[in-house]
Amino acid sequence: MGGFALIEALVGLLIFSIGILGLVGVQVSMTKAQTLSKFRADAAALAGELVGAMWADLPNVGLYADASCASHPRCKRWSDKVAATLPGGTPVVAVAGGTVTITITWTAPNEAPARYVTATAIRS
């Protein structure tokens, strides 16, 4: 009789261990999803921040385009902030007429490159 109790205890321990491993796997997946979601939210917030800066600086909207961004201090600070906030973050800003298109790309560790694109009309 003592052998059966030991086998039952070992089977119970095996089932418990498999359950714990499953919970750890779920937690890893949730942490990964949360991190990717944070990057998307950061990209959206950064794009919104640039749109606000452009509205506050209407006479110089053309200077926010990629070709002139490095020479415009406000745009350069924002571009540096994108690089510091997102892993491998690179912004592309296109200004055509009154339409501004902002594309932010980044690459999370062990993930495919991701991007956030938004377009808005900015007219004086």
N, C-alpha and C. Protein backbone atom coordinates (compact mmCIF):
# COMPACT_ATOMS: atom_id res chain seq x y z
N MET A 1 0.81 -1.20 0.00
CA MET A 1 0.00 0.00 0.00
C MET A 1 0.85 1.27 0.00
N GLY A 2 2.00 1.26 0.65
CA GLY A 2 2.84 2.44 0.73
C GLY A 2 3.35 2.87 -0.63
N GLY A 3 3.57 1.94 -1.56
CA GLY A 3 4.06 2.26 -2.90
C GLY A 3 3.05 3.05 -3.71
N PHE A 4 1.75 2.72 -3.55
CA PHE A 4 0.71 3.44 -4.29
C PHE A 4 0.62 4.91 -3.86
N ALA A 5 0.77 5.16 -2.60
CA ALA A 5 0.71 6.54 -2.09
C ALA A 5 1.87 7.36 -2.64
N LEU A 6 3.04 6.73 -2.74
CA LEU A 6 4.21 7.43 -3.28
C LEU A 6 4.01 7.76 -4.76
N ILE A 7 3.47 6.80 -5.52
CA ILE A 7 3.20 7.04 -6.95
C ILE A 7 2.16 8.14 -7.10
N GLU A 8 1.11 8.15 -6.29
CA GLU A 8 0.10 9.20 -6.36
C GLU A 8 0.70 10.57 -6.04
N ALA A 9 1.58 10.60 -5.05
CA ALA A 9 2.22 11.86 -4.69
C ALA A 9 3.11 12.37 -5.84
N LEU A 10 3.84 11.47 -6.49
CA LEU A 10 4.71 11.86 -7.60
C LEU A 10 3.89 12.34 -8.81
N VAL A 11 2.78 11.67 -9.10
CA VAL A 11 1.91 12.09 -10.20
C VAL A 11 1.31 13.47 -9.88
N GLY A 12 0.89 13.68 -8.65
CA GLY A 12 0.36 14.98 -8.23
C GLY A 12 1.41 16.07 -8.37
N LEU A 13 2.65 15.76 -7.98
CA LEU A 13 3.74 16.72 -8.11
C LEU A 13 4.02 17.03 -9.58
N LEU A 14 3.95 16.02 -10.45
CA LEU A 14 4.14 16.22 -11.88
C LEU A 14 3.06 17.13 -12.46
N ILE A 15 1.83 16.90 -12.11
CA ILE A 15 0.72 17.72 -12.60
C ILE A 15 0.86 19.16 -12.10
N PHE A 16 1.24 19.33 -10.85
CA PHE A 16 1.45 20.66 -10.28
C PHE A 16 2.58 21.39 -11.02
N SER A 17 3.67 20.68 -11.30
CA SER A 17 4.81 21.28 -11.99
C SER A 17 4.44 21.72 -13.40
N ILE A 18 3.66 20.91 -14.11
CA ILE A 18 3.22 21.28 -15.45
C ILE A 18 2.34 22.53 -15.39
N GLY A 19 1.48 22.61 -14.40
CA GLY A 19 0.63 23.79 -14.22
C GLY A 19 1.45 25.04 -13.96
N ILE A 20 2.48 24.94 -13.14
CA ILE A 20 3.34 26.09 -12.84
C ILE A 20 4.08 26.53 -14.11
N LEU A 21 4.59 25.57 -14.89
CA LEU A 21 5.26 25.93 -16.14
C LEU A 21 4.30 26.63 -17.10
N GLY A 22 3.06 26.20 -17.14
CA GLY A 22 2.06 26.86 -17.98
C GLY A 22 1.82 28.30 -17.54
N LEU A 23 1.74 28.52 -16.24
CA LEU A 23 1.54 29.88 -15.72
C LEU A 23 2.74 30.78 -16.05
N VAL A 24 3.94 30.23 -15.95
CA VAL A 24 5.13 31.01 -16.28
C VAL A 24 5.11 31.38 -17.77
N GLY A 25 4.71 30.45 -18.63
CA GLY A 25 4.60 30.74 -20.06
C GLY A 25 3.59 31.84 -20.35
N VAL A 26 2.46 31.81 -19.67
CA VAL A 26 1.45 32.84 -19.85
C VAL A 26 1.99 34.20 -19.39
N GLN A 27 2.71 34.21 -18.29
CA GLN A 27 3.25 35.47 -17.78
C GLN A 27 4.29 36.04 -18.75
N VAL A 28 5.12 35.19 -19.34
CA VAL A 28 6.10 35.66 -20.32
C VAL A 28 5.39 36.27 -21.52
N SER A 29 4.34 35.60 -22.01
CA SER A 29 3.59 36.12 -23.16
C SER A 29 2.94 37.46 -22.82
N MET A 30 2.40 37.59 -21.63
CA MET A 30 1.75 38.84 -21.23
C MET A 30 2.77 39.97 -21.12
N THR A 31 3.95 39.68 -20.59
CA THR A 31 4.98 40.70 -20.47
C THR A 31 5.44 41.17 -21.85
N LYS A 32 5.59 40.23 -22.78
CA LYS A 32 5.99 40.58 -24.14
C LYS A 32 4.92 41.46 -24.80
N ALA A 33 3.66 41.08 -24.68
CA ALA A 33 2.57 41.85 -25.27
C ALA A 33 2.49 43.25 -24.64
N GLN A 34 2.72 43.34 -23.35
CA GLN A 34 2.68 44.62 -22.67
C GLN A 34 3.81 45.53 -23.16
N THR A 35 4.99 44.97 -23.35
CA THR A 35 6.12 45.75 -23.84
C THR A 35 5.86 46.27 -25.25
N LEU A 36 5.36 45.42 -26.13
CA LEU A 36 5.06 45.84 -27.50
C LEU A 36 3.97 46.90 -27.52
N SER A 37 2.99 46.75 -26.65
CA SER A 37 1.91 47.73 -26.55
C SER A 37 2.44 49.09 -26.07
N LYS A 38 3.38 49.06 -25.14
CA LYS A 38 3.97 50.30 -24.64
C LYS A 38 4.72 51.02 -25.76
N PHE A 39 5.44 50.26 -26.59
CA PHE A 39 6.15 50.90 -27.70
C PHE A 39 5.16 51.57 -28.66
N ARG A 40 4.06 50.90 -28.95
CA ARG A 40 3.05 51.50 -29.84
C ARG A 40 2.47 52.77 -29.22
N ALA A 41 2.18 52.72 -27.93
CA ALA A 41 1.63 53.91 -27.24
C ALA A 41 2.65 55.04 -27.22
N ASP A 42 3.92 54.71 -27.00
CA ASP A 42 4.96 55.74 -27.01
C ASP A 42 5.08 56.39 -28.39
N ALA A 43 5.00 55.57 -29.45
CA ALA A 43 5.09 56.12 -30.81
C ALA A 43 3.92 57.06 -31.09
N ALA A 44 2.72 56.67 -30.67
CA ALA A 44 1.55 57.53 -30.87
C ALA A 44 1.69 58.83 -30.10
N ALA A 45 2.18 58.75 -28.87
CA ALA A 45 2.37 59.96 -28.05
C ALA A 45 3.42 60.87 -28.66
N LEU A 46 4.51 60.28 -29.17
CA LEU A 46 5.57 61.09 -29.79
C LEU A 46 5.07 61.78 -31.05
N ALA A 47 4.27 61.08 -31.85
CA ALA A 47 3.71 61.69 -33.05
C ALA A 47 2.77 62.84 -32.67
N GLY A 48 1.95 62.63 -31.67
CA GLY A 48 1.06 63.69 -31.19
C GLY A 48 1.83 64.88 -30.66
N GLU A 49 2.94 64.61 -30.00
CA GLU A 49 3.78 65.69 -29.48
C GLU A 49 4.34 66.54 -30.62
N LEU A 50 4.76 65.89 -31.71
CA LEU A 50 5.29 66.65 -32.84
C LEU A 50 4.19 67.46 -33.52
N VAL A 51 3.01 66.90 -33.65
CA VAL A 51 1.90 67.64 -34.25
C VAL A 51 1.62 68.89 -33.41
N GLY A 52 1.61 68.75 -32.10
CA GLY A 52 1.40 69.91 -31.23
C GLY A 52 2.49 70.95 -31.39
N ALA A 53 3.74 70.49 -31.50
CA ALA A 53 4.85 71.43 -31.69
C ALA A 53 4.72 72.15 -33.03
N MET A 54 4.26 71.45 -34.05
CA MET A 54 4.10 72.08 -35.36
C MET A 54 2.98 73.11 -35.34
N TRP A 55 1.90 72.82 -34.64
CA TRP A 55 0.80 73.80 -34.53
C TRP A 55 1.28 75.04 -33.80
N ALA A 56 2.16 74.87 -32.83
CA ALA A 56 2.67 76.01 -32.08
C ALA A 56 3.72 76.79 -32.87
N ASP A 57 4.23 76.21 -33.95
CA ASP A 57 5.29 76.82 -34.74
C ASP A 57 4.88 76.88 -36.22
N LEU A 58 3.66 77.35 -36.49
CA LEU A 58 3.10 77.34 -37.85
C LEU A 58 3.99 77.98 -38.92
N PRO A 59 4.66 79.09 -38.65
CA PRO A 59 5.47 79.69 -39.72
C PRO A 59 6.62 78.78 -40.18
N ASN A 60 7.03 77.84 -39.35
CA ASN A 60 8.19 76.99 -39.67
C ASN A 60 7.82 75.53 -39.92
N VAL A 61 6.58 75.25 -40.30
CA VAL A 61 6.15 73.86 -40.49
C VAL A 61 7.03 73.13 -41.50
N GLY A 62 7.44 73.81 -42.54
CA GLY A 62 8.28 73.19 -43.56
C GLY A 62 9.63 72.71 -43.02
N LEU A 63 10.10 73.32 -41.93
CA LEU A 63 11.39 72.93 -41.36
C LEU A 63 11.33 71.60 -40.62
N TYR A 64 10.13 71.06 -40.43
CA TYR A 64 10.00 69.77 -39.74
C TYR A 64 10.17 68.59 -40.68
N ALA A 65 10.21 68.84 -41.98
CA ALA A 65 10.42 67.76 -42.95
C ALA A 65 11.82 67.19 -42.76
N ASP A 66 12.00 65.96 -43.17
CA ASP A 66 13.27 65.25 -42.94
C ASP A 66 14.51 66.02 -43.37
N ALA A 67 14.45 66.66 -44.52
CA ALA A 67 15.64 67.33 -45.05
C ALA A 67 16.10 68.47 -44.14
N SER A 68 15.18 69.15 -43.47
CA SER A 68 15.57 70.29 -42.63
C SER A 68 15.48 70.03 -41.15
N CYS A 69 15.04 68.88 -40.74
CA CYS A 69 14.78 68.62 -39.32
C CYS A 69 16.03 68.81 -38.46
N ALA A 70 17.17 68.36 -38.94
CA ALA A 70 18.40 68.45 -38.13
C ALA A 70 18.80 69.90 -37.87
N SER A 71 18.40 70.82 -38.76
CA SER A 71 18.79 72.22 -38.57
C SER A 71 17.77 73.01 -37.75
N HIS A 72 16.61 72.44 -37.49
CA HIS A 72 15.59 73.12 -36.69
C HIS A 72 15.63 72.55 -35.26
N PRO A 73 16.00 73.35 -34.27
CA PRO A 73 16.23 72.82 -32.91
C PRO A 73 15.05 72.04 -32.33
N ARG A 74 13.84 72.55 -32.52
CA ARG A 74 12.68 71.88 -31.93
C ARG A 74 12.47 70.49 -32.55
N CYS A 75 12.64 70.41 -33.85
CA CYS A 75 12.49 69.13 -34.55
C CYS A 75 13.63 68.18 -34.19
N LYS A 76 14.83 68.70 -34.08
CA LYS A 76 16.00 67.88 -33.72
C LYS A 76 15.82 67.28 -32.33
N ARG A 77 15.34 68.07 -31.38
CA ARG A 77 15.09 67.55 -30.02
C ARG A 77 14.07 66.43 -30.05
N TRP A 78 13.02 66.63 -30.84
CA TRP A 78 11.98 65.59 -30.94
C TRP A 78 12.55 64.33 -31.58
N SER A 79 13.32 64.48 -32.63
CA SER A 79 13.92 63.33 -33.31
C SER A 79 14.85 62.56 -32.36
N ASP A 80 15.62 63.29 -31.57
CA ASP A 80 16.48 62.64 -30.58
C ASP A 80 15.67 61.92 -29.52
N LYS A 81 14.53 62.50 -29.15
CA LYS A 81 13.65 61.87 -28.16
C LYS A 81 13.07 60.56 -28.69
N VAL A 82 12.74 60.53 -29.98
CA VAL A 82 12.24 59.29 -30.60
C VAL A 82 13.31 58.22 -30.51
N ALA A 83 14.54 58.58 -30.85
CA ALA A 83 15.65 57.62 -30.81
C ALA A 83 15.92 57.12 -29.40
N ALA A 84 15.72 57.99 -28.40
CA ALA A 84 15.97 57.60 -27.02
C ALA A 84 14.82 56.79 -26.41
N THR A 85 13.61 57.02 -26.87
CA THR A 85 12.44 56.38 -26.29
C THR A 85 12.17 54.99 -26.86
N LEU A 86 12.34 54.84 -28.16
CA LEU A 86 12.02 53.58 -28.83
C LEU A 86 13.31 52.88 -29.26
N PRO A 87 13.37 51.56 -29.12
CA PRO A 87 14.58 50.84 -29.53
C PRO A 87 14.76 50.91 -31.05
N GLY A 88 15.85 51.53 -31.46
CA GLY A 88 16.09 51.70 -32.89
C GLY A 88 15.09 52.63 -33.53
N GLY A 89 14.54 53.55 -32.76
CA GLY A 89 13.49 54.45 -33.25
C GLY A 89 14.01 55.45 -34.27
N THR A 90 13.34 55.51 -35.42
CA THR A 90 13.70 56.48 -36.46
C THR A 90 12.43 57.13 -36.99
N PRO A 91 12.38 58.45 -36.97
CA PRO A 91 11.20 59.15 -37.50
C PRO A 91 11.41 59.61 -38.94
N VAL A 92 10.31 59.67 -39.68
CA VAL A 92 10.31 60.25 -41.02
C VAL A 92 9.11 61.19 -41.06
N VAL A 93 9.37 62.45 -41.38
CA VAL A 93 8.31 63.45 -41.43
C VAL A 93 8.25 64.00 -42.85
N ALA A 94 7.07 63.94 -43.44
CA ALA A 94 6.87 64.48 -44.78
C ALA A 94 5.85 65.60 -44.70
N VAL A 95 6.20 66.74 -45.25
CA VAL A 95 5.31 67.90 -45.29
C VAL A 95 5.01 68.20 -46.75
N ALA A 96 3.75 68.04 -47.12
CA ALA A 96 3.35 68.30 -48.50
C ALA A 96 2.10 69.18 -48.47
N GLY A 97 2.28 70.42 -48.86
CA GLY A 97 1.17 71.37 -48.79
C GLY A 97 0.77 71.56 -47.34
N GLY A 98 -0.47 71.31 -47.03
CA GLY A 98 -0.92 71.42 -45.65
C GLY A 98 -1.02 70.09 -44.94
N THR A 99 -0.53 69.02 -45.57
CA THR A 99 -0.62 67.69 -44.97
C THR A 99 0.74 67.26 -44.44
N VAL A 100 0.74 66.78 -43.22
CA VAL A 100 1.96 66.29 -42.58
C VAL A 100 1.76 64.80 -42.31
N THR A 101 2.72 63.99 -42.75
CA THR A 101 2.69 62.56 -42.49
C THR A 101 3.90 62.21 -41.63
N ILE A 102 3.63 61.59 -40.49
CA ILE A 102 4.69 61.20 -39.56
C ILE A 102 4.74 59.68 -39.52
N THR A 103 5.92 59.13 -39.79
CA THR A 103 6.13 57.68 -39.73
C THR A 103 7.25 57.42 -38.74
N ILE A 104 6.96 56.61 -37.74
CA ILE A 104 7.96 56.25 -36.73
C ILE A 104 8.16 54.74 -36.81
N THR A 105 9.40 54.32 -37.00
CA THR A 105 9.70 52.89 -37.03
C THR A 105 10.63 52.55 -35.86
N TRP A 106 10.50 51.33 -35.37
CA TRP A 106 11.35 50.83 -34.29
C TRP A 106 11.41 49.32 -34.39
N THR A 107 12.40 48.74 -33.71
CA THR A 107 12.55 47.30 -33.70
C THR A 107 12.76 46.85 -32.26
N ALA A 108 11.77 46.16 -31.72
CA ALA A 108 11.89 45.61 -30.37
C ALA A 108 12.83 44.40 -30.42
N PRO A 109 13.50 44.08 -29.32
CA PRO A 109 14.40 42.93 -29.31
C PRO A 109 13.67 41.65 -29.72
N ASN A 110 14.28 40.90 -30.62
CA ASN A 110 13.75 39.62 -31.11
C ASN A 110 12.39 39.75 -31.79
N GLU A 111 12.11 40.89 -32.37
CA GLU A 111 10.84 41.13 -33.04
C GLU A 111 11.08 41.71 -34.42
N ALA A 112 10.07 41.63 -35.25
CA ALA A 112 10.14 42.26 -36.57
C ALA A 112 9.99 43.77 -36.40
N PRO A 113 10.51 44.55 -37.33
CA PRO A 113 10.34 46.00 -37.24
C PRO A 113 8.86 46.38 -37.23
N ALA A 114 8.54 47.41 -36.45
CA ALA A 114 7.17 47.90 -36.34
C ALA A 114 7.17 49.37 -36.74
N ARG A 115 5.99 49.86 -37.11
CA ARG A 115 5.92 51.28 -37.45
C ARG A 115 4.55 51.84 -37.10
N TYR A 116 4.57 53.14 -36.86
CA TYR A 116 3.35 53.89 -36.58
C TYR A 116 3.30 55.02 -37.59
N VAL A 117 2.18 55.16 -38.27
CA VAL A 117 2.02 56.21 -39.29
C VAL A 117 0.78 57.02 -38.96
N THR A 118 0.92 58.32 -39.02
CA THR A 118 -0.23 59.20 -38.85
C THR A 118 -0.09 60.38 -39.81
N ALA A 119 -1.22 60.88 -40.23
CA ALA A 119 -1.23 62.04 -41.13
C ALA A 119 -2.26 63.03 -40.61
N THR A 120 -1.95 64.29 -40.75
CA THR A 120 -2.86 65.33 -40.30
C THR A 120 -2.71 66.56 -41.19
N ALA A 121 -3.71 67.38 -41.17
CA ALA A 121 -3.68 68.64 -41.94
C ALA A 121 -3.29 69.76 -40.99
N ILE A 122 -2.26 70.51 -41.38
CA ILE A 122 -1.82 71.66 -40.61
C ILE A 122 -1.75 72.83 -41.57
N ARG A 123 -2.65 73.77 -41.34
CA ARG A 123 -2.70 74.95 -42.19
C ARG A 123 -2.76 76.20 -41.32
N SER A 124 -2.09 77.22 -41.78
CA SER A 124 -2.10 78.47 -41.01
C SER A 124 -3.32 79.30 -41.31
